């Protein structure tokens, strides 16, 4: 039985590859999460990027890129997102393979504090997750990453706020280390696309 991860803007979690050149620096004004979950703030250089899609479906993390990360060809899907004047859906997708799942969302928020709220909500979700284990997530202005058991698999969840954007990634795999690395690698691709 496959675990399908449903992501929402309120509990969307994201991250970056630990091999990116950004350094992780704790931010004392950002709350730390419960259950051993850590919230991280990072200073990131602005990458040169092409225009971001609007209401994209598997645009930034294609089926081919997901197959490389998951180690198997996934079935990929995305749905339309309802309009909300305060949230612009940039891109999102769910990739399901025999080896595991990978889902992501990128949203742009109109409210000045919206991205901070998303990280706080992700931190609260991590505090409620049974046996959550934190890991460092470089990239963006603030971030959180943790793993938790989901049935016989492990889910790695990452949330990153970068300016007016949030990037959320969920990855599942039978191996906790692999789930974490898939999420980090996917997040690195996604965060690098944000101006």
N, C-alpha and C. Protein backbone atom coordinates (compact mmCIF):
# COMPACT_ATOMS: atom_id res chain seq x y z
N UNK A 1 0.84 -1.18 0.00
CA UNK A 1 0.00 0.00 0.00
C UNK A 1 0.88 1.23 0.00
N UNK A 2 0.68 2.12 -0.92
CA UNK A 2 1.47 3.34 -1.03
C UNK A 2 0.89 4.41 -0.13
N UNK A 3 1.76 5.21 0.41
CA UNK A 3 1.33 6.34 1.21
C UNK A 3 1.33 7.54 0.28
N UNK A 4 0.18 8.18 0.13
CA UNK A 4 0.08 9.37 -0.69
C UNK A 4 0.05 10.57 0.24
N UNK A 5 0.90 11.51 -0.03
CA UNK A 5 1.02 12.68 0.82
C UNK A 5 0.17 13.79 0.23
N UNK A 6 -0.74 14.31 1.02
CA UNK A 6 -1.55 15.43 0.60
C UNK A 6 -1.00 16.66 1.29
N UNK A 7 -0.68 17.65 0.50
CA UNK A 7 -0.06 18.84 1.06
C UNK A 7 -1.02 20.00 0.97
N UNK A 8 -1.05 20.80 2.03
CA UNK A 8 -1.86 22.00 2.03
C UNK A 8 -0.96 23.19 2.33
N UNK A 9 -1.44 24.35 2.01
CA UNK A 9 -0.63 25.56 2.25
C UNK A 9 -0.33 25.73 3.73
N UNK A 10 -1.25 25.36 4.60
CA UNK A 10 -1.04 25.57 6.03
C UNK A 10 0.01 24.65 6.62
N UNK A 11 0.15 23.45 6.08
CA UNK A 11 1.10 22.50 6.66
C UNK A 11 2.17 22.10 5.66
N UNK A 12 2.38 22.94 4.67
CA UNK A 12 3.34 22.63 3.63
C UNK A 12 4.75 22.79 4.18
N UNK A 13 5.58 21.84 3.88
CA UNK A 13 6.92 21.84 4.42
C UNK A 13 7.94 21.63 3.31
N UNK A 14 9.10 22.29 3.40
CA UNK A 14 10.05 22.27 2.31
C UNK A 14 11.50 22.31 2.75
N UNK A 15 12.47 22.08 1.86
CA UNK A 15 13.87 22.18 2.22
C UNK A 15 14.82 22.22 1.08
N UNK A 16 16.12 22.28 1.41
CA UNK A 16 17.17 22.40 0.41
C UNK A 16 18.22 21.34 0.60
N UNK A 17 18.98 21.11 -0.44
CA UNK A 17 20.07 20.16 -0.42
C UNK A 17 21.18 20.66 0.49
N UNK A 18 21.65 19.82 1.36
CA UNK A 18 22.69 20.23 2.28
C UNK A 18 24.00 20.52 1.59
N UNK A 19 24.11 20.18 0.30
CA UNK A 19 25.34 20.46 -0.41
C UNK A 19 25.32 21.83 -1.08
N UNK A 20 24.23 22.61 -0.90
CA UNK A 20 24.19 23.94 -1.47
C UNK A 20 25.14 24.84 -0.71
N UNK A 21 25.62 25.92 -1.33
CA UNK A 21 26.62 26.74 -0.69
C UNK A 21 26.09 27.63 0.42
N UNK A 22 24.81 27.66 0.67
CA UNK A 22 24.26 28.51 1.72
C UNK A 22 24.61 27.95 3.09
N UNK A 23 24.90 28.83 4.01
CA UNK A 23 25.21 28.38 5.36
C UNK A 23 23.99 28.52 6.24
N UNK A 24 23.85 27.63 7.19
CA UNK A 24 22.70 27.64 8.08
C UNK A 24 23.07 28.38 9.35
N UNK A 25 22.23 29.33 9.73
CA UNK A 25 22.47 30.12 10.91
C UNK A 25 21.19 30.19 11.71
N UNK A 26 21.19 29.76 12.98
CA UNK A 26 19.97 29.85 13.77
C UNK A 26 19.53 31.30 13.89
N UNK A 27 18.23 31.52 13.90
CA UNK A 27 17.66 32.84 14.03
C UNK A 27 16.94 32.88 15.37
N UNK A 28 17.43 33.68 16.27
CA UNK A 28 16.86 33.70 17.61
C UNK A 28 15.45 34.24 17.63
N UNK A 29 15.02 34.96 16.58
CA UNK A 29 13.66 35.47 16.56
C UNK A 29 12.67 34.47 16.00
N UNK A 30 13.17 33.36 15.46
CA UNK A 30 12.30 32.33 14.93
C UNK A 30 12.13 31.25 15.98
N UNK A 31 10.89 30.81 16.24
CA UNK A 31 10.68 29.81 17.29
C UNK A 31 11.29 28.47 16.92
N UNK A 32 11.72 27.74 17.95
CA UNK A 32 12.18 26.38 17.72
C UNK A 32 11.02 25.45 17.94
N UNK A 33 11.03 24.34 17.26
CA UNK A 33 9.92 23.39 17.33
C UNK A 33 10.07 22.43 18.48
N UNK A 34 8.96 21.85 18.87
CA UNK A 34 8.97 20.84 19.90
C UNK A 34 9.40 19.50 19.34
N UNK A 35 9.48 18.51 20.14
CA UNK A 35 9.81 17.13 19.76
C UNK A 35 11.11 17.06 18.99
N UNK A 36 12.10 17.87 19.40
CA UNK A 36 13.41 17.80 18.76
C UNK A 36 13.44 18.37 17.37
N UNK A 37 12.49 19.24 17.03
CA UNK A 37 12.44 19.82 15.70
C UNK A 37 13.06 21.20 15.76
N UNK A 38 13.90 21.51 14.76
CA UNK A 38 14.57 22.77 14.81
C UNK A 38 14.16 23.65 13.64
N UNK A 39 14.00 24.93 13.92
CA UNK A 39 13.66 25.90 12.90
C UNK A 39 14.94 26.63 12.59
N UNK A 40 15.26 26.76 11.31
CA UNK A 40 16.52 27.33 10.90
C UNK A 40 16.30 28.53 10.02
N UNK A 41 17.12 29.54 10.16
CA UNK A 41 17.10 30.68 9.27
C UNK A 41 18.40 30.67 8.50
N UNK A 42 18.33 31.00 7.22
CA UNK A 42 19.54 31.00 6.41
C UNK A 42 19.59 32.24 5.55
N UNK A 43 20.80 32.65 5.22
CA UNK A 43 20.99 33.76 4.29
C UNK A 43 21.32 33.14 2.94
N UNK A 44 20.51 33.44 1.94
CA UNK A 44 20.70 32.83 0.63
C UNK A 44 20.95 33.89 -0.43
N UNK A 45 21.88 33.62 -1.34
CA UNK A 45 22.13 34.51 -2.46
C UNK A 45 21.01 34.34 -3.48
N UNK A 46 20.65 35.44 -4.17
CA UNK A 46 19.61 35.36 -5.19
C UNK A 46 20.17 34.71 -6.44
N UNK A 47 19.59 33.56 -6.85
CA UNK A 47 20.05 32.93 -8.08
C UNK A 47 19.44 33.63 -9.30
N UNK A 48 20.07 33.47 -10.43
CA UNK A 48 19.49 33.96 -11.68
C UNK A 48 18.46 32.93 -12.11
N UNK A 49 17.23 33.37 -12.31
CA UNK A 49 16.16 32.41 -12.63
C UNK A 49 15.31 32.92 -13.78
N UNK A 50 14.66 32.00 -14.43
CA UNK A 50 13.65 32.33 -15.44
C UNK A 50 12.36 32.66 -14.70
N UNK A 51 11.39 33.16 -15.41
CA UNK A 51 10.11 33.49 -14.80
C UNK A 51 9.47 32.24 -14.21
N UNK A 52 8.89 32.38 -13.03
CA UNK A 52 8.20 31.27 -12.39
C UNK A 52 6.84 31.05 -13.05
N UNK A 53 6.39 29.80 -13.09
CA UNK A 53 5.05 29.54 -13.64
C UNK A 53 3.98 30.05 -12.67
N UNK A 54 2.76 30.15 -13.13
CA UNK A 54 1.60 30.44 -12.28
C UNK A 54 0.66 29.26 -12.46
N UNK A 55 0.24 28.66 -11.34
CA UNK A 55 -0.61 27.47 -11.33
C UNK A 55 0.01 26.34 -12.15
N UNK A 56 1.33 26.20 -11.99
CA UNK A 56 2.07 25.15 -12.69
C UNK A 56 1.73 23.77 -12.18
N UNK A 57 1.89 22.81 -13.04
CA UNK A 57 1.63 21.41 -12.70
C UNK A 57 2.85 20.61 -13.11
N UNK A 58 3.69 20.28 -12.14
CA UNK A 58 4.89 19.47 -12.37
C UNK A 58 5.86 20.17 -13.33
N UNK A 59 5.96 21.49 -13.24
CA UNK A 59 6.81 22.26 -14.14
C UNK A 59 8.26 22.30 -13.64
N UNK A 60 8.47 22.66 -12.38
CA UNK A 60 9.82 22.84 -11.86
C UNK A 60 10.50 21.54 -11.45
N UNK A 61 9.71 20.56 -11.08
CA UNK A 61 10.25 19.25 -10.72
C UNK A 61 9.50 18.23 -11.58
N UNK A 62 9.99 18.04 -12.78
CA UNK A 62 9.34 17.19 -13.78
C UNK A 62 9.38 15.72 -13.38
N UNK A 63 8.63 14.91 -14.12
CA UNK A 63 8.64 13.47 -13.90
C UNK A 63 10.05 12.91 -14.07
N UNK A 64 10.79 13.42 -15.04
CA UNK A 64 12.16 12.95 -15.28
C UNK A 64 13.07 13.28 -14.09
N UNK A 65 12.97 14.51 -13.57
CA UNK A 65 13.79 14.88 -12.40
C UNK A 65 13.38 14.06 -11.18
N UNK A 66 12.08 13.84 -11.01
CA UNK A 66 11.59 13.04 -9.88
C UNK A 66 12.08 11.60 -9.99
N UNK A 67 12.12 11.06 -11.21
CA UNK A 67 12.61 9.68 -11.41
C UNK A 67 14.07 9.57 -10.96
N UNK A 68 14.86 10.58 -11.25
CA UNK A 68 16.26 10.58 -10.81
C UNK A 68 16.34 10.59 -9.28
N UNK A 69 15.53 11.41 -8.64
CA UNK A 69 15.54 11.51 -7.17
C UNK A 69 15.00 10.23 -6.51
N UNK A 70 13.93 9.69 -7.05
CA UNK A 70 13.28 8.52 -6.45
C UNK A 70 13.94 7.20 -6.82
N UNK A 71 14.71 7.19 -7.90
CA UNK A 71 15.34 5.95 -8.34
C UNK A 71 14.40 5.02 -9.09
N UNK A 72 13.27 5.54 -9.53
CA UNK A 72 12.27 4.78 -10.30
C UNK A 72 11.36 5.78 -10.99
N UNK A 73 10.78 5.37 -12.09
CA UNK A 73 9.87 6.25 -12.82
C UNK A 73 8.54 6.36 -12.08
N UNK A 74 8.17 7.59 -11.71
CA UNK A 74 6.92 7.76 -10.97
C UNK A 74 5.74 8.07 -11.89
N UNK A 75 4.55 7.91 -11.35
CA UNK A 75 3.34 8.45 -11.96
C UNK A 75 3.19 9.82 -11.32
N UNK A 76 2.98 10.83 -12.14
CA UNK A 76 2.93 12.21 -11.64
C UNK A 76 1.56 12.81 -11.87
N UNK A 77 1.10 13.59 -10.89
CA UNK A 77 -0.20 14.24 -11.04
C UNK A 77 -0.24 15.55 -10.27
N UNK A 78 -1.13 16.41 -10.70
CA UNK A 78 -1.36 17.68 -10.04
C UNK A 78 -2.79 18.09 -10.32
N UNK A 79 -3.34 18.93 -9.47
CA UNK A 79 -4.71 19.39 -9.65
C UNK A 79 -4.74 20.90 -9.72
N UNK A 80 -5.84 21.44 -10.23
CA UNK A 80 -6.03 22.89 -10.22
C UNK A 80 -6.20 23.34 -8.78
N UNK A 81 -5.80 24.57 -8.53
CA UNK A 81 -5.93 25.13 -7.19
C UNK A 81 -6.95 26.24 -7.23
N UNK A 82 -7.80 26.27 -6.21
CA UNK A 82 -8.83 27.30 -6.17
C UNK A 82 -8.18 28.66 -5.94
N UNK A 83 -8.81 29.69 -6.46
CA UNK A 83 -8.27 31.03 -6.34
C UNK A 83 -8.42 31.59 -4.95
N UNK A 84 -7.38 32.23 -4.49
CA UNK A 84 -7.38 32.97 -3.23
C UNK A 84 -6.52 34.18 -3.50
N UNK A 85 -7.07 35.36 -3.35
CA UNK A 85 -6.34 36.56 -3.72
C UNK A 85 -5.06 36.75 -2.91
N UNK A 86 -4.94 36.14 -1.76
CA UNK A 86 -3.75 36.28 -0.93
C UNK A 86 -2.68 35.24 -1.24
N UNK A 87 -3.05 34.18 -1.99
CA UNK A 87 -2.10 33.10 -2.30
C UNK A 87 -2.09 32.86 -3.80
N UNK A 88 -0.90 32.91 -4.39
CA UNK A 88 -0.74 32.55 -5.79
C UNK A 88 -0.01 31.22 -5.84
N UNK A 89 -0.67 30.21 -6.41
CA UNK A 89 -0.02 28.90 -6.54
C UNK A 89 0.96 28.97 -7.70
N UNK A 90 2.23 28.70 -7.43
CA UNK A 90 3.27 28.76 -8.46
C UNK A 90 3.39 27.42 -9.16
N UNK A 91 3.59 26.35 -8.40
CA UNK A 91 3.77 25.03 -8.99
C UNK A 91 3.57 23.98 -7.91
N UNK A 92 3.26 22.77 -8.34
CA UNK A 92 3.10 21.66 -7.41
C UNK A 92 2.89 20.37 -8.15
N UNK A 93 3.19 19.27 -7.47
CA UNK A 93 3.05 17.96 -8.10
C UNK A 93 3.18 16.87 -7.04
N UNK A 94 2.61 15.73 -7.33
CA UNK A 94 2.82 14.53 -6.53
C UNK A 94 3.37 13.46 -7.47
N UNK A 95 4.51 12.89 -7.11
CA UNK A 95 5.15 11.83 -7.88
C UNK A 95 5.12 10.56 -7.05
N UNK A 96 4.51 9.49 -7.58
CA UNK A 96 4.39 8.23 -6.84
C UNK A 96 5.13 7.14 -7.61
N UNK A 97 6.11 6.52 -6.95
CA UNK A 97 6.91 5.44 -7.57
C UNK A 97 6.91 4.24 -6.63
N UNK A 98 7.38 3.12 -7.14
CA UNK A 98 7.48 1.91 -6.32
C UNK A 98 8.44 2.11 -5.15
N UNK A 99 9.43 2.97 -5.32
CA UNK A 99 10.45 3.19 -4.28
C UNK A 99 10.02 4.19 -3.23
N UNK A 100 9.03 5.03 -3.53
CA UNK A 100 8.59 6.05 -2.59
C UNK A 100 7.83 7.15 -3.30
N UNK A 101 7.46 8.16 -2.56
CA UNK A 101 6.67 9.27 -3.08
C UNK A 101 7.41 10.58 -2.88
N UNK A 102 7.10 11.56 -3.72
CA UNK A 102 7.67 12.89 -3.61
C UNK A 102 6.59 13.88 -4.01
N UNK A 103 6.28 14.81 -3.14
CA UNK A 103 5.30 15.84 -3.44
C UNK A 103 5.85 17.21 -3.09
N UNK A 104 5.40 18.23 -3.82
CA UNK A 104 5.86 19.59 -3.52
C UNK A 104 4.82 20.62 -3.92
N UNK A 105 4.93 21.78 -3.30
CA UNK A 105 4.13 22.95 -3.63
C UNK A 105 4.99 24.19 -3.44
N UNK A 106 4.83 25.15 -4.33
CA UNK A 106 5.42 26.47 -4.16
C UNK A 106 4.28 27.47 -4.26
N UNK A 107 4.19 28.35 -3.26
CA UNK A 107 3.15 29.37 -3.24
C UNK A 107 3.77 30.73 -2.98
N UNK A 108 3.12 31.76 -3.50
CA UNK A 108 3.52 33.15 -3.24
C UNK A 108 2.41 33.79 -2.43
N UNK A 109 2.77 34.52 -1.39
CA UNK A 109 1.79 35.11 -0.47
C UNK A 109 1.82 36.62 -0.54
N UNK A 110 0.63 37.23 -0.49
CA UNK A 110 0.51 38.68 -0.52
C UNK A 110 0.78 39.30 0.84
N UNK A 111 0.42 38.62 1.91
CA UNK A 111 0.59 39.16 3.26
C UNK A 111 2.04 39.15 3.71
N UNK A 112 2.45 40.22 4.37
CA UNK A 112 3.85 40.37 4.80
C UNK A 112 4.28 39.26 5.76
N UNK A 113 3.41 38.81 6.63
CA UNK A 113 3.78 37.81 7.63
C UNK A 113 3.34 36.39 7.27
N UNK A 114 2.76 36.20 6.10
CA UNK A 114 2.21 34.90 5.73
C UNK A 114 3.25 33.79 5.73
N UNK A 115 4.43 34.05 5.17
CA UNK A 115 5.44 32.99 5.12
C UNK A 115 5.93 32.63 6.51
N UNK A 116 6.01 33.59 7.41
CA UNK A 116 6.40 33.32 8.79
C UNK A 116 5.36 32.42 9.45
N UNK A 117 4.10 32.68 9.20
CA UNK A 117 3.01 31.88 9.76
C UNK A 117 3.10 30.44 9.25
N UNK A 118 3.42 30.27 7.97
CA UNK A 118 3.53 28.92 7.40
C UNK A 118 4.64 28.15 8.11
N UNK A 119 5.77 28.76 8.36
CA UNK A 119 6.87 28.09 9.08
C UNK A 119 6.45 27.77 10.51
N UNK A 120 5.74 28.69 11.17
CA UNK A 120 5.26 28.42 12.53
C UNK A 120 4.27 27.26 12.54
N UNK A 121 3.39 27.18 11.55
CA UNK A 121 2.44 26.07 11.48
C UNK A 121 3.16 24.76 11.20
N UNK A 122 4.18 24.80 10.37
CA UNK A 122 4.96 23.59 10.09
C UNK A 122 5.69 23.13 11.34
N UNK A 123 6.18 24.08 12.12
CA UNK A 123 6.85 23.75 13.37
C UNK A 123 5.89 23.09 14.35
N UNK A 124 4.67 23.62 14.42
CA UNK A 124 3.65 23.03 15.28
C UNK A 124 3.31 21.62 14.82
N UNK A 125 3.19 21.41 13.50
CA UNK A 125 2.90 20.08 12.97
C UNK A 125 4.02 19.11 13.32
N UNK A 126 5.24 19.58 13.26
CA UNK A 126 6.39 18.73 13.61
C UNK A 126 6.34 18.35 15.09
N UNK A 127 5.92 19.28 15.92
CA UNK A 127 5.82 19.01 17.35
C UNK A 127 4.77 17.95 17.67
N UNK A 128 3.77 17.81 16.80
CA UNK A 128 2.71 16.82 17.00
C UNK A 128 3.03 15.48 16.34
N UNK A 129 4.02 15.44 15.47
CA UNK A 129 4.34 14.21 14.73
C UNK A 129 5.03 13.22 15.66
N UNK A 130 4.54 11.99 15.73
CA UNK A 130 5.14 11.00 16.62
C UNK A 130 6.59 10.68 16.20
N UNK A 131 7.50 10.77 17.16
CA UNK A 131 8.89 10.42 16.92
C UNK A 131 9.61 11.29 15.92
N UNK A 132 9.18 12.54 15.75
CA UNK A 132 9.81 13.44 14.79
C UNK A 132 11.29 13.61 15.10
N UNK A 133 12.10 13.55 14.04
CA UNK A 133 13.55 13.74 14.16
C UNK A 133 13.95 14.89 13.25
N UNK A 134 14.56 15.91 13.84
CA UNK A 134 14.92 17.10 13.08
C UNK A 134 16.13 16.85 12.17
N UNK A 135 16.22 17.68 11.14
CA UNK A 135 17.43 17.76 10.33
C UNK A 135 17.57 19.17 9.78
N UNK A 136 18.79 19.56 9.51
CA UNK A 136 19.08 20.91 9.02
C UNK A 136 18.60 21.07 7.59
N UNK A 137 18.06 22.25 7.31
CA UNK A 137 17.56 22.57 5.98
C UNK A 137 18.12 23.93 5.56
N UNK A 138 19.14 23.93 4.71
CA UNK A 138 19.67 25.22 4.26
C UNK A 138 18.81 25.84 3.17
N UNK A 139 18.92 27.14 2.99
CA UNK A 139 18.20 27.83 1.93
C UNK A 139 17.05 28.64 2.47
N UNK A 140 16.74 29.74 1.81
CA UNK A 140 15.61 30.57 2.19
C UNK A 140 15.91 31.45 3.39
N UNK A 141 14.86 32.08 3.91
CA UNK A 141 14.98 32.98 5.06
C UNK A 141 14.72 32.25 6.37
N UNK A 142 13.89 31.23 6.33
CA UNK A 142 13.59 30.40 7.50
C UNK A 142 13.18 29.03 6.98
N UNK A 143 13.45 27.99 7.78
CA UNK A 143 13.12 26.64 7.32
C UNK A 143 12.97 25.68 8.48
N UNK A 144 12.34 24.56 8.20
CA UNK A 144 12.21 23.48 9.16
C UNK A 144 12.21 22.16 8.38
N UNK A 145 12.82 21.13 8.95
CA UNK A 145 12.81 19.81 8.35
C UNK A 145 12.77 18.75 9.43
N UNK A 146 11.99 17.70 9.19
CA UNK A 146 11.93 16.59 10.14
C UNK A 146 11.48 15.33 9.42
N UNK A 147 11.78 14.19 10.03
CA UNK A 147 11.28 12.91 9.55
C UNK A 147 10.35 12.33 10.60
N UNK A 148 9.40 11.53 10.13
CA UNK A 148 8.48 10.83 11.02
C UNK A 148 8.03 9.54 10.33
N UNK A 149 7.69 8.55 11.13
CA UNK A 149 7.22 7.28 10.56
C UNK A 149 5.81 7.43 10.02
N UNK A 150 5.59 6.84 8.84
CA UNK A 150 4.26 6.79 8.23
C UNK A 150 4.07 5.35 7.78
N UNK A 151 3.39 4.58 8.61
CA UNK A 151 3.27 3.15 8.34
C UNK A 151 4.65 2.52 8.37
N UNK A 152 4.98 1.73 7.36
CA UNK A 152 6.28 1.07 7.31
C UNK A 152 7.36 1.95 6.67
N UNK A 153 6.98 3.16 6.27
CA UNK A 153 7.94 4.07 5.62
C UNK A 153 8.24 5.26 6.51
N UNK A 154 9.19 6.05 6.07
CA UNK A 154 9.53 7.30 6.74
C UNK A 154 9.18 8.44 5.81
N UNK A 155 8.59 9.48 6.36
CA UNK A 155 8.30 10.68 5.59
C UNK A 155 9.22 11.79 6.06
N UNK A 156 9.87 12.45 5.11
CA UNK A 156 10.66 13.64 5.38
C UNK A 156 9.83 14.84 4.93
N UNK A 157 9.66 15.81 5.81
CA UNK A 157 8.89 17.01 5.49
C UNK A 157 9.78 18.22 5.67
N UNK A 158 9.72 19.11 4.71
CA UNK A 158 10.52 20.33 4.75
C UNK A 158 9.63 21.51 4.38
N UNK A 159 9.82 22.63 5.07
CA UNK A 159 9.16 23.89 4.72
C UNK A 159 10.22 24.98 4.72
N UNK A 160 10.21 25.78 3.66
CA UNK A 160 11.15 26.89 3.56
C UNK A 160 10.37 28.14 3.17
N UNK A 161 10.66 29.24 3.85
CA UNK A 161 10.14 30.55 3.47
C UNK A 161 11.28 31.31 2.82
N UNK A 162 11.01 31.89 1.67
CA UNK A 162 12.01 32.70 0.97
C UNK A 162 11.29 33.91 0.40
N UNK A 163 11.49 35.06 1.04
CA UNK A 163 10.77 36.26 0.63
C UNK A 163 9.28 36.03 0.76
N UNK A 164 8.53 36.27 -0.30
CA UNK A 164 7.08 36.09 -0.29
C UNK A 164 6.66 34.68 -0.67
N UNK A 165 7.63 33.76 -0.81
CA UNK A 165 7.35 32.40 -1.27
C UNK A 165 7.53 31.36 -0.16
N UNK A 166 6.76 30.28 -0.26
CA UNK A 166 7.01 29.10 0.55
C UNK A 166 7.21 27.92 -0.39
N UNK A 167 8.14 27.06 -0.01
CA UNK A 167 8.40 25.82 -0.73
C UNK A 167 8.18 24.70 0.26
N UNK A 168 7.37 23.74 -0.15
CA UNK A 168 7.07 22.60 0.71
C UNK A 168 7.39 21.32 -0.02
N UNK A 169 8.04 20.41 0.67
CA UNK A 169 8.38 19.12 0.07
C UNK A 169 8.10 18.02 1.07
N UNK A 170 7.49 16.93 0.60
CA UNK A 170 7.31 15.71 1.39
C UNK A 170 7.87 14.57 0.56
N UNK A 171 8.67 13.71 1.19
CA UNK A 171 9.20 12.54 0.49
C UNK A 171 9.06 11.33 1.41
N UNK A 172 8.63 10.20 0.86
CA UNK A 172 8.55 8.97 1.65
C UNK A 172 9.44 7.91 1.01
N UNK A 173 10.01 7.08 1.89
CA UNK A 173 10.86 5.99 1.45
C UNK A 173 10.96 5.01 2.61
N UNK A 174 11.26 3.76 2.31
CA UNK A 174 11.43 2.77 3.37
C UNK A 174 12.65 3.09 4.23
N UNK A 175 13.62 3.82 3.68
CA UNK A 175 14.84 4.18 4.39
C UNK A 175 14.77 5.66 4.80
N UNK A 176 14.89 5.95 6.09
CA UNK A 176 14.78 7.32 6.59
C UNK A 176 15.83 8.25 5.99
N UNK A 177 17.06 7.77 5.86
CA UNK A 177 18.13 8.59 5.29
C UNK A 177 17.82 8.94 3.84
N UNK A 178 17.32 7.99 3.08
CA UNK A 178 16.98 8.21 1.69
C UNK A 178 15.81 9.20 1.57
N UNK A 179 14.79 9.06 2.40
CA UNK A 179 13.65 9.97 2.38
C UNK A 179 14.12 11.40 2.63
N UNK A 180 14.97 11.58 3.62
CA UNK A 180 15.51 12.91 3.94
C UNK A 180 16.29 13.48 2.76
N UNK A 181 17.15 12.67 2.14
CA UNK A 181 17.98 13.15 1.04
C UNK A 181 17.14 13.49 -0.19
N UNK A 182 16.12 12.69 -0.48
CA UNK A 182 15.23 13.00 -1.60
C UNK A 182 14.57 14.36 -1.37
N UNK A 183 14.06 14.58 -0.15
CA UNK A 183 13.41 15.86 0.17
C UNK A 183 14.39 17.02 0.06
N UNK A 184 15.59 16.86 0.58
CA UNK A 184 16.59 17.92 0.51
C UNK A 184 16.98 18.23 -0.93
N UNK A 185 17.20 17.21 -1.72
CA UNK A 185 17.58 17.42 -3.12
C UNK A 185 16.46 18.09 -3.91
N UNK A 186 15.23 17.66 -3.69
CA UNK A 186 14.09 18.27 -4.38
C UNK A 186 13.96 19.73 -3.98
N UNK A 187 14.08 20.01 -2.71
CA UNK A 187 13.96 21.37 -2.21
C UNK A 187 15.04 22.27 -2.79
N UNK A 188 16.24 21.76 -2.94
CA UNK A 188 17.34 22.56 -3.51
C UNK A 188 16.98 22.99 -4.94
N UNK A 189 16.41 22.09 -5.71
CA UNK A 189 16.00 22.41 -7.09
C UNK A 189 14.93 23.49 -7.06
N UNK A 190 13.96 23.34 -6.18
CA UNK A 190 12.83 24.27 -6.13
C UNK A 190 13.22 25.65 -5.61
N UNK A 191 14.00 25.69 -4.54
CA UNK A 191 14.41 26.98 -3.98
C UNK A 191 15.28 27.76 -4.96
N UNK A 192 16.10 27.04 -5.72
CA UNK A 192 16.97 27.73 -6.68
C UNK A 192 16.17 28.41 -7.80
N UNK A 193 14.92 28.01 -7.99
CA UNK A 193 14.08 28.62 -9.02
C UNK A 193 13.43 29.93 -8.57
N UNK A 194 13.45 30.20 -7.28
CA UNK A 194 12.80 31.39 -6.73
C UNK A 194 13.76 32.58 -6.83
N UNK A 195 13.27 33.71 -7.37
CA UNK A 195 14.15 34.89 -7.50
C UNK A 195 14.53 35.48 -6.15
